[in-house]
């Protein structure tokens, strides 16, 4: 996984609440156990019309809607526990998702796959939506070290919580296995002390 410390990026606005994992990646695309290739079907039923052509009304198909950050409505990632939802977002290119509430399983799946879920207050989220709707070129800064999110060039900022272990893993680009491998010398020394 890539290391995550500070991210400065434009954001894609998805102004829907209760976006479930089947909307993020429909079940019919869950036939692979590899993490690659899911991005092309991210939000498939919203992104494409029945004939397979891009839906011009959907945000990911509109000119200027780009960035490494997805800003979504409350209760993002609800529904089933499929890890593929996080895979699809990462494979598409998102590095962080901002919402005022995340389903617990989605939040953990995101963190396990290098995607930072930034949970903010409803008021902060509403302000971000309003400003970015009027100024889509504006950028968000997410500082994992300080656990702060802000709108670049403004006083709008807020702190967010994150599990300290997951924070350490993101900062170092570790998944759970990488974390253990990083501790190999310490583990071996401990085992030697028992011999």
C-alpha atoms as a PDB file:
ATOM      1  CA  UNK A   1       0.000   0.000   0.000  1.00  0.00           C
ATOM      2  CA  UNK A   2       1.034   3.599  -0.497  1.00  0.00           C
ATOM      3  CA  UNK A   3       2.050   5.647   2.521  1.00  0.00           C
ATOM      4  CA  UNK A   4      -0.539   8.226   3.553  1.00  0.00           C
ATOM      5  CA  UNK A   5       0.489  11.361   5.421  1.00  0.00           C
ATOM      6  CA  UNK A   6      -0.937  14.499   3.820  1.00  0.00           C
ATOM      7  CA  UNK A   7      -3.273  14.694   0.852  1.00  0.00           C
ATOM      8  CA  UNK A   8      -4.080  17.881  -1.067  1.00  0.00           C
ATOM      9  CA  UNK A   9      -6.726  17.292  -3.718  1.00  0.00           C
ATOM     10  CA  UNK A  10      -9.860  18.396  -5.438  1.00  0.00           C
ATOM     11  CA  UNK A  11     -12.877  16.365  -4.401  1.00  0.00           C
ATOM     12  CA  UNK A  12     -15.703  14.556  -6.141  1.00  0.00           C
ATOM     13  CA  UNK A  13     -19.075  15.315  -4.561  1.00  0.00           C
ATOM     14  CA  UNK A  14     -21.561  12.470  -4.186  1.00  0.00           C
ATOM     15  CA  UNK A  15     -24.489  14.176  -2.439  1.00  0.00           C
ATOM     16  CA  UNK A  16     -26.399  11.008  -1.542  1.00  0.00           C
ATOM     17  CA  UNK A  17     -27.056   9.550   1.890  1.00  0.00           C
ATOM     18  CA  UNK A  18     -27.182   5.834   2.713  1.00  0.00           C
ATOM     19  CA  UNK A  19     -24.934   4.777  -0.185  1.00  0.00           C
ATOM     20  CA  UNK A  20     -24.686   1.031   0.308  1.00  0.00           C
ATOM     21  CA  UNK A  21     -22.001  -1.374  -0.811  1.00  0.00           C
ATOM     22  CA  UNK A  22     -24.204  -2.752  -3.605  1.00  0.00           C
ATOM     23  CA  UNK A  23     -24.401   0.740  -5.090  1.00  0.00           C
ATOM     24  CA  UNK A  24     -20.634   1.145  -4.695  1.00  0.00           C
ATOM     25  CA  UNK A  25     -19.935  -2.189  -6.468  1.00  0.00           C
ATOM     26  CA  UNK A  26     -22.934  -4.278  -7.549  1.00  0.00           C
ATOM     27  CA  UNK A  27     -22.924  -7.949  -6.518  1.00  0.00           C
ATOM     28  CA  UNK A  28     -22.808  -9.200 -10.107  1.00  0.00           C
ATOM     29  CA  UNK A  29     -19.204  -7.949 -10.369  1.00  0.00           C
ATOM     30  CA  UNK A  30     -17.890  -9.852  -7.340  1.00  0.00           C
ATOM     31  CA  UNK A  31     -16.499 -12.782  -9.288  1.00  0.00           C
ATOM     32  CA  UNK A  32     -12.811 -12.035  -8.769  1.00  0.00           C
ATOM     33  CA  UNK A  33     -10.616 -12.454  -5.716  1.00  0.00           C
ATOM     34  CA  UNK A  34      -7.977 -10.079  -7.100  1.00  0.00           C
ATOM     35  CA  UNK A  35      -8.285  -6.440  -6.025  1.00  0.00           C
ATOM     36  CA  UNK A  36      -7.620  -5.091  -9.514  1.00  0.00           C
ATOM     37  CA  UNK A  37     -10.255  -4.186 -12.061  1.00  0.00           C
ATOM     38  CA  UNK A  38     -13.079  -3.232  -9.727  1.00  0.00           C
ATOM     39  CA  UNK A  39     -12.709   0.508 -10.376  1.00  0.00           C
ATOM     40  CA  UNK A  40     -14.240   0.226 -13.832  1.00  0.00           C
ATOM     41  CA  UNK A  41     -17.498  -0.931 -12.201  1.00  0.00           C
ATOM     42  CA  UNK A  42     -17.489   1.532  -9.311  1.00  0.00           C
ATOM     43  CA  UNK A  43     -21.052   2.920  -9.007  1.00  0.00           C
ATOM     44  CA  UNK A  44     -21.811   0.902 -12.166  1.00  0.00           C
ATOM     45  CA  UNK A  45     -25.605   1.274 -12.070  1.00  0.00           C
ATOM     46  CA  UNK A  46     -25.316   5.046 -11.623  1.00  0.00           C
ATOM     47  CA  UNK A  47     -22.373   5.610 -13.979  1.00  0.00           C
ATOM     48  CA  UNK A  48     -23.789   3.804 -17.006  1.00  0.00           C
ATOM     49  CA  UNK A  49     -27.106   3.718 -18.821  1.00  0.00           C
ATOM     50  CA  UNK A  50     -28.829   0.428 -19.697  1.00  0.00           C
ATOM     51  CA  UNK A  51     -27.145   0.405 -23.131  1.00  0.00           C
ATOM     52  CA  UNK A  52     -23.706   0.582 -21.437  1.00  0.00           C
ATOM     53  CA  UNK A  53     -22.990   4.181 -22.404  1.00  0.00           C
ATOM     54  CA  UNK A  54     -21.842   6.649 -19.721  1.00  0.00           C
ATOM     55  CA  UNK A  55     -24.641   8.423 -17.864  1.00  0.00           C
ATOM     56  CA  UNK A  56     -23.934  12.144 -18.431  1.00  0.00           C
ATOM     57  CA  UNK A  57     -25.872  13.002 -15.259  1.00  0.00           C
ATOM     58  CA  UNK A  58     -23.566  11.053 -12.933  1.00  0.00           C
ATOM     59  CA  UNK A  59     -20.754  12.982 -11.235  1.00  0.00           C
ATOM     60  CA  UNK A  60     -17.897  10.691 -12.270  1.00  0.00           C
ATOM     61  CA  UNK A  61     -18.827  11.221 -15.926  1.00  0.00           C
ATOM     62  CA  UNK A  62     -18.921  15.013 -15.754  1.00  0.00           C
ATOM     63  CA  UNK A  63     -16.058  17.237 -16.839  1.00  0.00           C
ATOM     64  CA  UNK A  64     -14.138  18.737 -13.931  1.00  0.00           C
ATOM     65  CA  UNK A  65     -15.233  16.177 -11.351  1.00  0.00           C
ATOM     66  CA  UNK A  66     -11.887  14.742 -10.436  1.00  0.00           C
ATOM     67  CA  UNK A  67      -9.739  14.264  -7.403  1.00  0.00           C
ATOM     68  CA  UNK A  68      -8.401  11.729  -4.935  1.00  0.00           C
ATOM     69  CA  UNK A  69     -11.150  12.462  -2.394  1.00  0.00           C
ATOM     70  CA  UNK A  70     -14.790  11.400  -2.526  1.00  0.00           C
ATOM     71  CA  UNK A  71     -17.134  13.526  -0.389  1.00  0.00           C
ATOM     72  CA  UNK A  72     -20.353  11.620   0.263  1.00  0.00           C
ATOM     73  CA  UNK A  73     -23.515  12.003   2.297  1.00  0.00           C
ATOM     74  CA  UNK A  74     -24.181  10.468   5.689  1.00  0.00           C
ATOM     75  CA  UNK A  75     -24.076   6.675   6.239  1.00  0.00           C
ATOM     76  CA  UNK A  76     -21.659   5.803   3.451  1.00  0.00           C
ATOM     77  CA  UNK A  77     -20.828   2.119   2.979  1.00  0.00           C
ATOM     78  CA  UNK A  78     -23.876   0.647   4.684  1.00  0.00           C
ATOM     79  CA  UNK A  79     -25.287  -2.698   3.582  1.00  0.00           C
ATOM     80  CA  UNK A  80     -23.291  -5.872   3.118  1.00  0.00           C
ATOM     81  CA  UNK A  81     -19.780  -6.457   4.425  1.00  0.00           C
ATOM     82  CA  UNK A  82     -18.146  -6.837   0.994  1.00  0.00           C
ATOM     83  CA  UNK A  83     -14.528  -5.734   0.994  1.00  0.00           C
ATOM     84  CA  UNK A  84     -14.868  -5.250  -2.766  1.00  0.00           C
ATOM     85  CA  UNK A  85     -16.448  -1.832  -2.109  1.00  0.00           C
ATOM     86  CA  UNK A  86     -13.160  -0.542  -0.712  1.00  0.00           C
ATOM     87  CA  UNK A  87     -11.263  -2.305  -3.519  1.00  0.00           C
ATOM     88  CA  UNK A  88     -13.394  -0.540  -6.144  1.00  0.00           C
ATOM     89  CA  UNK A  89     -12.866   2.901  -4.634  1.00  0.00           C
ATOM     90  CA  UNK A  90      -9.098   2.378  -4.354  1.00  0.00           C
ATOM     91  CA  UNK A  91      -8.836   0.859  -7.837  1.00  0.00           C
ATOM     92  CA  UNK A  92     -10.694   3.863  -9.272  1.00  0.00           C
ATOM     93  CA  UNK A  93      -8.122   6.155  -7.661  1.00  0.00           C
ATOM     94  CA  UNK A  94      -9.697   7.470  -4.479  1.00  0.00           C
ATOM     95  CA  UNK A  95      -7.389   7.767  -1.469  1.00  0.00           C
ATOM     96  CA  UNK A  96      -9.933   9.118   1.023  1.00  0.00           C
ATOM     97  CA  UNK A  97     -13.698   9.275   1.535  1.00  0.00           C
ATOM     98  CA  UNK A  98     -15.282  12.027   3.626  1.00  0.00           C
ATOM     99  CA  UNK A  99     -18.697  11.539   5.228  1.00  0.00           C
ATOM    100  CA  UNK A 100     -20.461  12.346   8.479  1.00  0.00           C
ATOM    101  CA  UNK A 101     -21.004   8.634   9.203  1.00  0.00           C
ATOM    102  CA  UNK A 102     -19.577   5.346   7.921  1.00  0.00           C
ATOM    103  CA  UNK A 103     -20.838   1.834   8.431  1.00  0.00           C
ATOM    104  CA  UNK A 104     -18.348   0.121  10.790  1.00  0.00           C
ATOM    105  CA  UNK A 105     -17.510  -2.804   8.494  1.00  0.00           C
ATOM    106  CA  UNK A 106     -16.948  -0.524   5.513  1.00  0.00           C
ATOM    107  CA  UNK A 107     -14.747   1.731   7.639  1.00  0.00           C
ATOM    108  CA  UNK A 108     -12.548  -1.196   8.686  1.00  0.00           C
ATOM    109  CA  UNK A 109     -12.402  -2.590   5.146  1.00  0.00           C
ATOM    110  CA  UNK A 110     -11.356   0.830   3.863  1.00  0.00           C
ATOM    111  CA  UNK A 111      -8.582   1.173   6.437  1.00  0.00           C
ATOM    112  CA  UNK A 112      -7.365  -2.361   5.689  1.00  0.00           C
ATOM    113  CA  UNK A 113      -7.007  -1.431   2.022  1.00  0.00           C
ATOM    114  CA  UNK A 114      -5.281   1.943   2.285  1.00  0.00           C
ATOM    115  CA  UNK A 115      -8.413   4.076   1.894  1.00  0.00           C
ATOM    116  CA  UNK A 116      -8.822   6.710   4.618  1.00  0.00           C
ATOM    117  CA  UNK A 117     -12.410   7.223   5.829  1.00  0.00           C
ATOM    118  CA  UNK A 118     -12.593  10.728   7.300  1.00  0.00           C
ATOM    119  CA  UNK A 119     -15.647  11.085   9.534  1.00  0.00           C
ATOM    120  CA  UNK A 120     -16.702  14.695  10.083  1.00  0.00           C
ATOM    121  CA  UNK A 121     -19.689  16.411  11.685  1.00  0.00           C
ATOM    122  CA  UNK A 122     -22.891  16.947   9.718  1.00  0.00           C
ATOM    123  CA  UNK A 123     -22.315  20.704   9.883  1.00  0.00           C
ATOM    124  CA  UNK A 124     -18.761  20.480   8.503  1.00  0.00           C
ATOM    125  CA  UNK A 125     -19.932  18.157   5.722  1.00  0.00           C
ATOM    126  CA  UNK A 126     -22.749  20.537   4.764  1.00  0.00           C
ATOM    127  CA  UNK A 127     -20.299  23.446   4.571  1.00  0.00           C
ATOM    128  CA  UNK A 128     -17.876  21.430   2.425  1.00  0.00           C
ATOM    129  CA  UNK A 129     -20.702  20.432   0.066  1.00  0.00           C
ATOM    130  CA  UNK A 130     -21.860  24.043  -0.273  1.00  0.00           C
ATOM    131  CA  UNK A 131     -18.397  25.482  -0.899  1.00  0.00           C
ATOM    132  CA  UNK A 132     -17.279  22.770  -3.324  1.00  0.00           C
ATOM    133  CA  UNK A 133     -20.566  22.940  -5.196  1.00  0.00           C
ATOM    134  CA  UNK A 134     -19.873  26.612  -5.909  1.00  0.00           C
ATOM    135  CA  UNK A 135     -16.082  26.221  -6.271  1.00  0.00           C
ATOM    136  CA  UNK A 136     -15.343  22.715  -7.614  1.00  0.00           C
ATOM    137  CA  UNK A 137     -11.702  23.636  -8.169  1.00  0.00           C
ATOM    138  CA  UNK A 138     -11.182  24.183  -4.420  1.00  0.00           C
ATOM    139  CA  UNK A 139      -9.030  21.618  -2.668  1.00  0.00           C
ATOM    140  CA  UNK A 140      -9.317  19.689   0.547  1.00  0.00           C
ATOM    141  CA  UNK A 141      -6.267  18.977   2.660  1.00  0.00           C
ATOM    142  CA  UNK A 142      -6.277  15.851   4.791  1.00  0.00           C
ATOM    143  CA  UNK A 143      -3.445  15.708   7.303  1.00  0.00           C
ATOM    144  CA  UNK A 144      -3.343  12.233   8.815  1.00  0.00           C
ATOM    145  CA  UNK A 145      -0.467  13.085  11.151  1.00  0.00           C
ATOM    146  CA  UNK A 146      -2.461  15.907  12.764  1.00  0.00           C
ATOM    147  CA  UNK A 147      -5.817  14.195  12.138  1.00  0.00           C
ATOM    148  CA  UNK A 148      -7.265  17.315  10.531  1.00  0.00           C
ATOM    149  CA  UNK A 149      -9.213  18.042   7.378  1.00  0.00           C
ATOM    150  CA  UNK A 150      -9.454  21.546   5.966  1.00  0.00           C
ATOM    151  CA  UNK A 151     -10.540  23.474   2.925  1.00  0.00           C
ATOM    152  CA  UNK A 152      -7.358  24.941   1.465  1.00  0.00           C
ATOM    153  CA  UNK A 153      -7.298  28.743   1.608  1.00  0.00           C
ATOM    154  CA  UNK A 154     -10.081  29.015   4.168  1.00  0.00           C
ATOM    155  CA  UNK A 155     -10.588  28.808   7.923  1.00  0.00           C
ATOM    156  CA  UNK A 156     -12.797  25.725   7.548  1.00  0.00           C
ATOM    157  CA  UNK A 157     -11.071  22.905   9.419  1.00  0.00           C
ATOM    158  CA  UNK A 158     -12.030  20.003  11.642  1.00  0.00           C
ATOM    159  CA  UNK A 159     -10.327  17.195  13.532  1.00  0.00           C
ATOM    160  CA  UNK A 160     -11.186  13.554  12.922  1.00  0.00           C
ATOM    161  CA  UNK A 161     -10.650  10.344  14.873  1.00  0.00           C
ATOM    162  CA  UNK A 162      -8.763   7.271  13.737  1.00  0.00           C
ATOM    163  CA  UNK A 163      -7.597   4.093  15.453  1.00  0.00           C
ATOM    164  CA  UNK A 164      -3.909   4.602  16.362  1.00  0.00           C
ATOM    165  CA  UNK A 165      -2.868   1.206  14.951  1.00  0.00           C
ATOM    166  CA  UNK A 166      -4.578   1.886  11.614  1.00  0.00           C
ATOM    167  CA  UNK A 167      -3.083   5.374  11.548  1.00  0.00           C
ATOM    168  CA  UNK A 168       0.403   3.896  11.994  1.00  0.00           C
ATOM    169  CA  UNK A 169      -0.259   1.359   9.226  1.00  0.00           C
ATOM    170  CA  UNK A 170      -1.484   4.029   6.785  1.00  0.00           C
ATOM    171  CA  UNK A 171       1.453   6.314   7.568  1.00  0.00           C
ATOM    172  CA  UNK A 172       3.860   3.480   6.778  1.00  0.00           C
ATOM    173  CA  UNK A 173       1.966   1.869   3.907  1.00  0.00           C
ATOM    174  CA  UNK A 174       1.434  -1.340   5.871  1.00  0.00           C
ATOM    175  CA  UNK A 175      -1.384  -3.830   5.746  1.00  0.00           C
ATOM    176  CA  UNK A 176      -1.683  -6.212   8.720  1.00  0.00           C
ATOM    177  CA  UNK A 177       0.839  -8.670   7.258  1.00  0.00           C
ATOM    178  CA  UNK A 178       3.338  -5.894   6.475  1.00  0.00           C
ATOM    179  CA  UNK A 179       2.995  -4.682  10.056  1.00  0.00           C
ATOM    180  CA  UNK A 180       3.910  -8.121  11.408  1.00  0.00           C
ATOM    181  CA  UNK A 181       6.803  -8.508   8.959  1.00  0.00           C
ATOM    182  CA  UNK A 182       8.092  -5.117  10.091  1.00  0.00           C
ATOM    183  CA  UNK A 183       8.205  -6.488  13.634  1.00  0.00           C
ATOM    184  CA  UNK A 184      10.050  -9.646  12.567  1.00  0.00           C
ATOM    185  CA  UNK A 185      13.344  -8.800  14.302  1.00  0.00           C
ATOM    186  CA  UNK A 186      11.516  -8.034  17.554  1.00  0.00           C
ATOM    187  CA  UNK A 187       9.489 -11.248  17.291  1.00  0.00           C
ATOM    188  CA  UNK A 188      12.617 -13.310  16.629  1.00  0.00           C
ATOM    189  CA  UNK A 189      14.437 -11.654  19.546  1.00  0.00           C
ATOM    190  CA  UNK A 190      11.511 -12.456  21.831  1.00  0.00           C
ATOM    191  CA  UNK A 191      11.463 -16.072  20.655  1.00  0.00           C
ATOM    192  CA  UNK A 192      15.211 -16.328  21.296  1.00  0.00           C
ATOM    193  CA  UNK A 193      14.690 -15.006  24.812  1.00  0.00           C
ATOM    194  CA  UNK A 194      12.334 -17.919  25.501  1.00  0.00           C
ATOM    195  CA  UNK A 195      14.819 -20.559  24.317  1.00  0.00           C
END
